[in-house]
């Protein structure tokens, strides 16, 4: 199974926010934490959401997760999950994310994985980066107007 095929099994339209109006990288990370916490709402969702936000923030301190060309990939290992979870945010207006290439970000893929999921983590990061490295894919995803359209595009690219 290729990495891009593997990516498809992690996608969920309920964990996507399309054409969002977020004005900063902090708000983007907060919304990403909210989305990533949705499948984990067994106990106190507020605590899980805060934990995920802090995991993402700590990872950003190690190194910015803006991968270039307007795409960010905030990710972290997280004690709160026993499986990999991916969330996607597209922005109506690009924001400064302090990416190495200086480009503002209008697409973010969030990823949390269990503490021990090293290879799975790397495979998913690589699959997302590979798909988003194609300029036409990035443009189509940024223009998508609904989670179902995002799912359809990513499904097509994953085959």
N, C-alpha and C. Protein backbone atom coordinates (compact mmCIF):
# COMPACT_ATOMS: atom_id res chain seq x y z
N UNK A 1 0.85 -1.18 0.00
CA UNK A 1 0.00 0.00 0.00
C UNK A 1 0.89 1.24 0.00
N UNK A 2 0.63 2.15 -0.92
CA UNK A 2 1.44 3.36 -0.97
C UNK A 2 1.00 4.34 0.11
N UNK A 3 1.86 5.29 0.43
CA UNK A 3 1.54 6.26 1.46
C UNK A 3 0.29 7.06 1.13
N UNK A 4 0.11 7.41 -0.16
CA UNK A 4 -1.06 8.22 -0.51
C UNK A 4 -2.34 7.40 -0.35
N UNK A 5 -2.31 6.10 -0.65
CA UNK A 5 -3.49 5.27 -0.41
C UNK A 5 -3.75 5.17 1.08
N UNK A 6 -2.70 5.07 1.86
CA UNK A 6 -2.85 4.99 3.30
C UNK A 6 -3.51 6.26 3.84
N UNK A 7 -3.19 7.38 3.30
CA UNK A 7 -3.74 8.66 3.76
C UNK A 7 -5.26 8.65 3.72
N UNK A 8 -5.84 8.12 2.66
CA UNK A 8 -7.28 8.16 2.46
C UNK A 8 -8.06 7.56 3.64
N UNK A 9 -7.55 6.50 4.23
CA UNK A 9 -8.28 5.84 5.32
C UNK A 9 -8.37 6.70 6.59
N UNK A 10 -7.62 7.77 6.68
CA UNK A 10 -7.62 8.63 7.86
C UNK A 10 -8.52 9.86 7.70
N UNK A 11 -9.07 10.07 6.52
CA UNK A 11 -9.83 11.28 6.26
C UNK A 11 -11.27 11.17 6.72
N UNK A 12 -11.79 12.28 7.25
CA UNK A 12 -13.16 12.35 7.75
C UNK A 12 -13.67 13.77 7.49
N UNK A 13 -14.73 13.89 6.72
CA UNK A 13 -15.27 15.21 6.38
C UNK A 13 -15.69 16.00 7.63
N UNK A 14 -16.04 15.31 8.71
CA UNK A 14 -16.43 15.99 9.94
C UNK A 14 -15.25 16.70 10.61
N UNK A 15 -14.04 16.35 10.18
CA UNK A 15 -12.84 16.96 10.76
C UNK A 15 -12.22 17.97 9.79
N UNK A 16 -13.08 18.58 8.98
CA UNK A 16 -12.62 19.57 8.01
C UNK A 16 -13.38 20.87 8.20
N UNK A 17 -12.65 21.97 8.09
CA UNK A 17 -13.23 23.30 8.13
C UNK A 17 -12.79 23.99 6.84
N UNK A 18 -13.76 24.31 5.99
CA UNK A 18 -13.46 24.80 4.64
C UNK A 18 -13.80 26.29 4.52
N UNK A 19 -12.88 27.04 3.91
CA UNK A 19 -13.02 28.48 3.70
C UNK A 19 -13.24 29.21 5.03
N UNK A 20 -12.49 28.79 6.03
CA UNK A 20 -12.58 29.39 7.37
C UNK A 20 -12.04 30.81 7.37
N UNK A 21 -12.55 31.60 8.28
CA UNK A 21 -12.10 32.98 8.43
C UNK A 21 -11.31 33.10 9.72
N UNK A 22 -10.10 32.60 9.70
CA UNK A 22 -9.20 32.68 10.85
C UNK A 22 -8.14 33.72 10.54
N UNK A 23 -7.76 34.51 11.55
CA UNK A 23 -6.91 35.66 11.28
C UNK A 23 -5.46 35.52 11.75
N UNK A 24 -5.11 34.39 12.39
CA UNK A 24 -3.74 34.26 12.89
C UNK A 24 -3.36 32.79 12.99
N UNK A 25 -2.06 32.56 13.12
CA UNK A 25 -1.60 31.18 13.27
C UNK A 25 -2.08 30.61 14.61
N UNK A 26 -2.17 31.45 15.63
CA UNK A 26 -2.68 30.98 16.93
C UNK A 26 -4.11 30.49 16.80
N UNK A 27 -4.95 31.26 16.13
CA UNK A 27 -6.35 30.85 15.94
C UNK A 27 -6.44 29.60 15.06
N UNK A 28 -5.54 29.49 14.10
CA UNK A 28 -5.50 28.29 13.26
C UNK A 28 -5.18 27.06 14.12
N UNK A 29 -4.18 27.17 14.99
CA UNK A 29 -3.82 26.04 15.86
C UNK A 29 -4.94 25.72 16.85
N UNK A 30 -5.63 26.73 17.34
CA UNK A 30 -6.75 26.49 18.25
C UNK A 30 -7.88 25.74 17.54
N UNK A 31 -8.20 26.17 16.33
CA UNK A 31 -9.25 25.49 15.56
C UNK A 31 -8.81 24.07 15.19
N UNK A 32 -7.53 23.91 14.87
CA UNK A 32 -7.02 22.58 14.54
C UNK A 32 -7.15 21.66 15.74
N UNK A 33 -6.80 22.17 16.91
CA UNK A 33 -6.93 21.37 18.14
C UNK A 33 -8.39 20.98 18.39
N UNK A 34 -9.30 21.91 18.13
CA UNK A 34 -10.73 21.62 18.30
C UNK A 34 -11.15 20.48 17.38
N UNK A 35 -10.78 20.58 16.10
CA UNK A 35 -11.14 19.53 15.14
C UNK A 35 -10.52 18.19 15.50
N UNK A 36 -9.23 18.21 15.84
CA UNK A 36 -8.53 16.96 16.17
C UNK A 36 -9.08 16.31 17.43
N UNK A 37 -9.68 17.10 18.31
CA UNK A 37 -10.21 16.54 19.57
C UNK A 37 -11.60 15.93 19.39
N UNK A 38 -12.29 16.23 18.30
CA UNK A 38 -13.67 15.76 18.12
C UNK A 38 -13.82 14.23 18.27
N UNK A 39 -12.96 13.42 17.67
CA UNK A 39 -13.13 11.97 17.83
C UNK A 39 -12.77 11.46 19.23
N UNK A 40 -12.22 12.30 20.06
CA UNK A 40 -11.71 11.87 21.37
C UNK A 40 -12.57 12.36 22.53
N UNK A 41 -13.76 12.82 22.25
CA UNK A 41 -14.57 13.47 23.28
C UNK A 41 -15.28 12.45 24.18
N UNK A 42 -14.48 11.68 24.91
CA UNK A 42 -15.07 10.73 25.84
C UNK A 42 -15.25 11.38 27.20
N UNK A 43 -14.26 12.09 27.65
CA UNK A 43 -14.31 12.70 28.97
C UNK A 43 -14.56 14.19 28.83
N UNK A 44 -13.66 14.97 29.35
CA UNK A 44 -13.78 16.42 29.27
C UNK A 44 -13.14 16.90 27.97
N UNK A 45 -13.97 17.21 26.99
CA UNK A 45 -13.45 17.62 25.69
C UNK A 45 -12.57 18.85 25.79
N UNK A 46 -12.89 19.74 26.73
CA UNK A 46 -12.09 20.96 26.87
C UNK A 46 -10.64 20.62 27.24
N UNK A 47 -10.45 19.67 28.15
CA UNK A 47 -9.10 19.28 28.54
C UNK A 47 -8.36 18.61 27.39
N UNK A 48 -9.02 17.75 26.66
CA UNK A 48 -8.37 17.09 25.52
C UNK A 48 -8.00 18.13 24.47
N UNK A 49 -8.92 19.04 24.19
CA UNK A 49 -8.65 20.09 23.21
C UNK A 49 -7.46 20.93 23.64
N UNK A 50 -7.40 21.30 24.92
CA UNK A 50 -6.26 22.08 25.43
C UNK A 50 -4.97 21.28 25.33
N UNK A 51 -5.02 20.01 25.67
CA UNK A 51 -3.82 19.16 25.57
C UNK A 51 -3.31 19.09 24.13
N UNK A 52 -4.22 18.90 23.20
CA UNK A 52 -3.82 18.82 21.79
C UNK A 52 -3.24 20.16 21.34
N UNK A 53 -3.87 21.25 21.73
CA UNK A 53 -3.35 22.57 21.37
C UNK A 53 -1.92 22.74 21.90
N UNK A 54 -1.70 22.34 23.14
CA UNK A 54 -0.36 22.47 23.72
C UNK A 54 0.65 21.55 23.03
N UNK A 55 0.21 20.35 22.64
CA UNK A 55 1.10 19.45 21.87
C UNK A 55 1.50 20.10 20.55
N UNK A 56 0.53 20.67 19.85
CA UNK A 56 0.82 21.33 18.57
C UNK A 56 1.74 22.54 18.78
N UNK A 57 1.46 23.30 19.81
CA UNK A 57 2.26 24.49 20.11
C UNK A 57 3.70 24.12 20.45
N UNK A 58 3.87 23.07 21.25
CA UNK A 58 5.22 22.61 21.61
C UNK A 58 5.99 22.17 20.36
N UNK A 59 5.31 21.50 19.44
CA UNK A 59 5.95 21.07 18.20
C UNK A 59 6.37 22.28 17.37
N UNK A 60 5.54 23.32 17.34
CA UNK A 60 5.87 24.54 16.59
C UNK A 60 7.11 25.20 17.17
N UNK A 61 7.32 25.09 18.49
CA UNK A 61 8.50 25.68 19.12
C UNK A 61 9.77 24.98 18.68
N UNK A 62 9.68 23.69 18.38
CA UNK A 62 10.83 22.93 17.89
C UNK A 62 11.21 23.39 16.50
N UNK A 63 10.21 23.64 15.69
CA UNK A 63 10.43 24.10 14.32
C UNK A 63 9.09 24.36 13.66
N UNK A 64 9.00 25.44 12.91
CA UNK A 64 7.77 25.81 12.24
C UNK A 64 7.34 24.70 11.28
N UNK A 65 6.04 24.42 11.26
CA UNK A 65 5.52 23.33 10.42
C UNK A 65 4.92 23.83 9.12
N UNK A 66 5.23 25.08 8.75
CA UNK A 66 4.85 25.54 7.42
C UNK A 66 5.76 24.85 6.42
N UNK A 67 5.17 24.03 5.52
CA UNK A 67 6.00 23.22 4.60
C UNK A 67 6.23 23.91 3.27
N UNK A 68 5.67 25.12 3.12
CA UNK A 68 5.91 25.89 1.90
C UNK A 68 4.71 25.92 0.98
N UNK A 69 4.74 26.85 0.05
CA UNK A 69 3.70 27.02 -0.95
C UNK A 69 2.31 27.19 -0.34
N UNK A 70 2.24 27.84 0.82
CA UNK A 70 0.94 28.13 1.42
C UNK A 70 0.33 26.99 2.22
N UNK A 71 1.14 25.98 2.54
CA UNK A 71 0.63 24.81 3.26
C UNK A 71 1.34 24.68 4.61
N UNK A 72 0.55 24.44 5.65
CA UNK A 72 1.10 24.16 6.98
C UNK A 72 0.69 22.75 7.38
N UNK A 73 1.53 22.13 8.17
CA UNK A 73 1.30 20.75 8.60
C UNK A 73 1.56 20.61 10.10
N UNK A 74 0.75 21.31 10.93
CA UNK A 74 0.95 21.17 12.37
C UNK A 74 0.69 19.72 12.79
N UNK A 75 1.62 19.15 13.53
CA UNK A 75 1.52 17.74 13.90
C UNK A 75 2.24 17.48 15.21
N UNK A 76 1.84 16.38 15.86
CA UNK A 76 2.49 16.03 17.11
C UNK A 76 2.11 14.62 17.52
N UNK A 77 2.99 14.02 18.30
CA UNK A 77 2.59 12.81 19.02
C UNK A 77 1.76 13.30 20.21
N UNK A 78 0.76 12.52 20.58
CA UNK A 78 -0.15 12.99 21.63
C UNK A 78 -0.62 11.83 22.49
N UNK A 79 -0.52 11.99 23.78
CA UNK A 79 -0.90 10.95 24.73
C UNK A 79 -2.41 10.70 24.71
N UNK A 80 -3.20 11.66 24.23
CA UNK A 80 -4.66 11.55 24.27
C UNK A 80 -5.25 10.65 23.20
N UNK A 81 -4.45 10.20 22.24
CA UNK A 81 -5.01 9.39 21.16
C UNK A 81 -4.31 8.03 21.05
N UNK A 82 -5.09 7.05 20.63
CA UNK A 82 -4.55 5.71 20.40
C UNK A 82 -4.47 5.41 18.91
N UNK A 83 -4.84 6.40 18.08
CA UNK A 83 -4.78 6.23 16.63
C UNK A 83 -4.47 7.58 15.98
N UNK A 84 -4.01 7.51 14.75
CA UNK A 84 -3.72 8.75 14.02
C UNK A 84 -5.03 9.44 13.65
N UNK A 85 -5.03 10.77 13.77
CA UNK A 85 -6.19 11.58 13.41
C UNK A 85 -5.70 12.74 12.55
N UNK A 86 -6.39 12.96 11.43
CA UNK A 86 -6.07 14.06 10.53
C UNK A 86 -7.25 15.01 10.46
N UNK A 87 -6.98 16.31 10.54
CA UNK A 87 -7.99 17.35 10.33
C UNK A 87 -7.44 18.29 9.25
N UNK A 88 -8.34 18.93 8.54
CA UNK A 88 -7.94 19.83 7.45
C UNK A 88 -8.69 21.14 7.59
N UNK A 89 -7.95 22.23 7.43
CA UNK A 89 -8.54 23.57 7.42
C UNK A 89 -8.08 24.27 6.15
N UNK A 90 -9.05 24.81 5.40
CA UNK A 90 -8.70 25.72 4.31
C UNK A 90 -9.18 27.10 4.72
N UNK A 91 -8.43 28.11 4.34
CA UNK A 91 -8.73 29.47 4.77
C UNK A 91 -9.24 30.32 3.62
N UNK A 92 -10.22 31.15 3.93
CA UNK A 92 -10.75 32.10 2.94
C UNK A 92 -9.65 33.08 2.54
N UNK A 93 -8.91 33.57 3.55
CA UNK A 93 -7.79 34.49 3.31
C UNK A 93 -6.55 33.92 3.97
N UNK A 94 -5.45 33.87 3.23
CA UNK A 94 -4.20 33.32 3.75
C UNK A 94 -3.70 34.15 4.94
N UNK A 95 -3.01 33.46 5.86
CA UNK A 95 -2.47 34.12 7.06
C UNK A 95 -0.95 33.93 7.12
N UNK A 96 -0.30 34.81 7.85
CA UNK A 96 1.13 34.66 8.09
C UNK A 96 1.32 33.48 9.04
N UNK A 97 2.15 32.53 8.65
CA UNK A 97 2.41 31.36 9.48
C UNK A 97 3.90 31.26 9.82
N UNK A 98 4.66 32.24 9.38
CA UNK A 98 6.10 32.27 9.62
C UNK A 98 6.80 31.08 8.96
N UNK A 99 6.26 30.63 7.82
CA UNK A 99 6.85 29.52 7.08
C UNK A 99 8.23 29.92 6.56
N UNK A 100 9.08 28.93 6.36
CA UNK A 100 10.44 29.21 5.89
C UNK A 100 10.47 29.93 4.56
N UNK A 101 9.51 29.62 3.67
CA UNK A 101 9.52 30.28 2.36
C UNK A 101 8.85 31.65 2.39
N UNK A 102 8.33 32.07 3.56
CA UNK A 102 7.73 33.38 3.70
C UNK A 102 6.32 33.51 3.13
N UNK A 103 5.79 32.43 2.55
CA UNK A 103 4.47 32.47 1.95
C UNK A 103 3.38 32.35 3.01
N UNK A 104 2.31 33.14 2.89
CA UNK A 104 1.19 32.98 3.82
C UNK A 104 0.50 31.64 3.58
N UNK A 105 -0.15 31.13 4.59
CA UNK A 105 -0.76 29.80 4.55
C UNK A 105 -2.27 29.90 4.33
N UNK A 106 -2.79 29.08 3.42
CA UNK A 106 -4.24 29.00 3.25
C UNK A 106 -4.76 27.57 3.33
N UNK A 107 -3.88 26.61 3.57
CA UNK A 107 -4.28 25.21 3.79
C UNK A 107 -3.44 24.66 4.94
N UNK A 108 -4.13 23.98 5.87
CA UNK A 108 -3.41 23.33 6.97
C UNK A 108 -3.97 21.92 7.17
N UNK A 109 -3.06 20.98 7.21
CA UNK A 109 -3.38 19.60 7.58
C UNK A 109 -2.87 19.43 9.00
N UNK A 110 -3.75 19.05 9.92
CA UNK A 110 -3.34 18.76 11.28
C UNK A 110 -3.26 17.26 11.47
N UNK A 111 -2.28 16.82 12.24
CA UNK A 111 -2.09 15.39 12.46
C UNK A 111 -1.64 15.15 13.89
N UNK A 112 -2.36 14.28 14.58
CA UNK A 112 -1.87 13.78 15.86
C UNK A 112 -1.80 12.27 15.76
N UNK A 113 -0.79 11.72 16.40
CA UNK A 113 -0.58 10.27 16.42
C UNK A 113 -0.24 9.85 17.84
N UNK A 114 -0.43 8.56 18.14
CA UNK A 114 -0.04 8.07 19.46
C UNK A 114 1.46 8.26 19.69
N UNK A 115 1.86 8.28 20.94
CA UNK A 115 3.27 8.48 21.31
C UNK A 115 4.20 7.52 20.57
N UNK A 116 3.79 6.26 20.39
CA UNK A 116 4.67 5.24 19.82
C UNK A 116 4.57 5.12 18.30
N UNK A 117 3.79 5.95 17.63
CA UNK A 117 3.50 5.78 16.20
C UNK A 117 4.53 6.41 15.27
N UNK A 118 5.78 6.20 15.52
CA UNK A 118 6.84 6.89 14.77
C UNK A 118 6.74 6.69 13.26
N UNK A 119 6.74 5.45 12.77
CA UNK A 119 6.73 5.22 11.33
C UNK A 119 5.42 5.66 10.69
N UNK A 120 4.31 5.38 11.35
CA UNK A 120 3.01 5.82 10.85
C UNK A 120 2.99 7.34 10.71
N UNK A 121 3.50 8.02 11.71
CA UNK A 121 3.58 9.48 11.73
C UNK A 121 4.36 9.97 10.50
N UNK A 122 5.53 9.40 10.29
CA UNK A 122 6.38 9.80 9.17
C UNK A 122 5.72 9.50 7.82
N UNK A 123 5.07 8.34 7.71
CA UNK A 123 4.39 7.97 6.46
C UNK A 123 3.28 8.95 6.12
N UNK A 124 2.49 9.34 7.13
CA UNK A 124 1.39 10.27 6.89
C UNK A 124 1.90 11.67 6.54
N UNK A 125 2.93 12.12 7.24
CA UNK A 125 3.52 13.42 6.90
C UNK A 125 4.03 13.42 5.46
N UNK A 126 4.69 12.34 5.07
CA UNK A 126 5.23 12.24 3.71
C UNK A 126 4.10 12.21 2.67
N UNK A 127 3.04 11.49 2.96
CA UNK A 127 1.92 11.40 2.01
C UNK A 127 1.27 12.76 1.81
N UNK A 128 1.05 13.48 2.89
CA UNK A 128 0.44 14.82 2.79
C UNK A 128 1.37 15.75 2.02
N UNK A 129 2.65 15.75 2.37
CA UNK A 129 3.61 16.62 1.69
C UNK A 129 3.69 16.30 0.20
N UNK A 130 3.64 15.02 -0.14
CA UNK A 130 3.72 14.60 -1.55
C UNK A 130 2.51 15.13 -2.33
N UNK A 131 1.33 14.96 -1.79
CA UNK A 131 0.12 15.43 -2.47
C UNK A 131 0.12 16.95 -2.59
N UNK A 132 0.52 17.65 -1.54
CA UNK A 132 0.50 19.11 -1.55
C UNK A 132 1.67 19.72 -2.32
N UNK A 133 2.65 18.92 -2.70
CA UNK A 133 3.76 19.45 -3.49
C UNK A 133 3.37 19.67 -4.95
N UNK A 134 2.24 19.15 -5.36
CA UNK A 134 1.73 19.36 -6.72
C UNK A 134 0.91 20.65 -6.72
N UNK A 135 1.40 21.65 -7.45
CA UNK A 135 0.78 22.98 -7.41
C UNK A 135 -0.71 22.93 -7.76
N UNK A 136 -1.08 22.14 -8.75
CA UNK A 136 -2.48 22.06 -9.15
C UNK A 136 -3.35 21.47 -8.03
N UNK A 137 -2.84 20.48 -7.31
CA UNK A 137 -3.57 19.91 -6.18
C UNK A 137 -3.82 20.98 -5.12
N UNK A 138 -2.78 21.73 -4.80
CA UNK A 138 -2.87 22.76 -3.78
C UNK A 138 -3.91 23.81 -4.18
N UNK A 139 -3.89 24.23 -5.44
CA UNK A 139 -4.83 25.25 -5.90
C UNK A 139 -6.27 24.74 -5.84
N UNK A 140 -6.48 23.50 -6.26
CA UNK A 140 -7.83 22.93 -6.24
C UNK A 140 -8.34 22.79 -4.81
N UNK A 141 -7.48 22.35 -3.90
CA UNK A 141 -7.89 22.18 -2.52
C UNK A 141 -8.22 23.54 -1.88
N UNK A 142 -7.41 24.55 -2.16
CA UNK A 142 -7.65 25.89 -1.61
C UNK A 142 -8.97 26.47 -2.13
N UNK A 143 -9.37 26.09 -3.33
CA UNK A 143 -10.60 26.61 -3.92
C UNK A 143 -11.84 25.80 -3.53
N UNK A 144 -11.66 24.65 -2.92
CA UNK A 144 -12.79 23.79 -2.55
C UNK A 144 -13.76 24.56 -1.65
N UNK A 145 -15.06 24.32 -1.87
CA UNK A 145 -16.07 25.07 -1.13
C UNK A 145 -16.82 24.25 -0.09
N UNK A 146 -16.47 22.95 0.05
CA UNK A 146 -17.17 22.12 1.04
C UNK A 146 -16.27 20.96 1.46
N UNK A 147 -16.51 20.41 2.65
CA UNK A 147 -15.75 19.23 3.08
C UNK A 147 -15.91 18.06 2.10
N UNK A 148 -17.09 17.90 1.52
CA UNK A 148 -17.27 16.79 0.58
C UNK A 148 -16.41 16.98 -0.67
N UNK A 149 -16.23 18.21 -1.10
CA UNK A 149 -15.36 18.49 -2.24
C UNK A 149 -13.90 18.20 -1.89
N UNK A 150 -13.49 18.56 -0.67
CA UNK A 150 -12.13 18.26 -0.21
C UNK A 150 -11.93 16.74 -0.20
N UNK A 151 -12.90 16.00 0.33
CA UNK A 151 -12.82 14.54 0.37
C UNK A 151 -12.70 13.96 -1.04
N UNK A 152 -13.51 14.47 -1.96
CA UNK A 152 -13.49 13.98 -3.33
C UNK A 152 -12.11 14.21 -3.98
N UNK A 153 -11.56 15.39 -3.79
CA UNK A 153 -10.25 15.70 -4.36
C UNK A 153 -9.17 14.78 -3.77
N UNK A 154 -9.15 14.67 -2.44
CA UNK A 154 -8.11 13.85 -1.80
C UNK A 154 -8.27 12.38 -2.14
N UNK A 155 -9.50 11.92 -2.30
CA UNK A 155 -9.73 10.53 -2.70
C UNK A 155 -9.18 10.30 -4.10
N UNK A 156 -9.43 11.24 -5.00
CA UNK A 156 -8.93 11.13 -6.38
C UNK A 156 -7.40 11.08 -6.39
N UNK A 157 -6.77 11.94 -5.63
CA UNK A 157 -5.30 11.99 -5.61
C UNK A 157 -4.69 10.80 -4.89
N UNK A 158 -5.46 10.14 -4.04
CA UNK A 158 -4.94 9.01 -3.28
C UNK A 158 -4.98 7.70 -4.04
N UNK A 159 -5.59 7.70 -5.21
CA UNK A 159 -5.72 6.45 -5.97
C UNK A 159 -4.60 6.28 -6.96
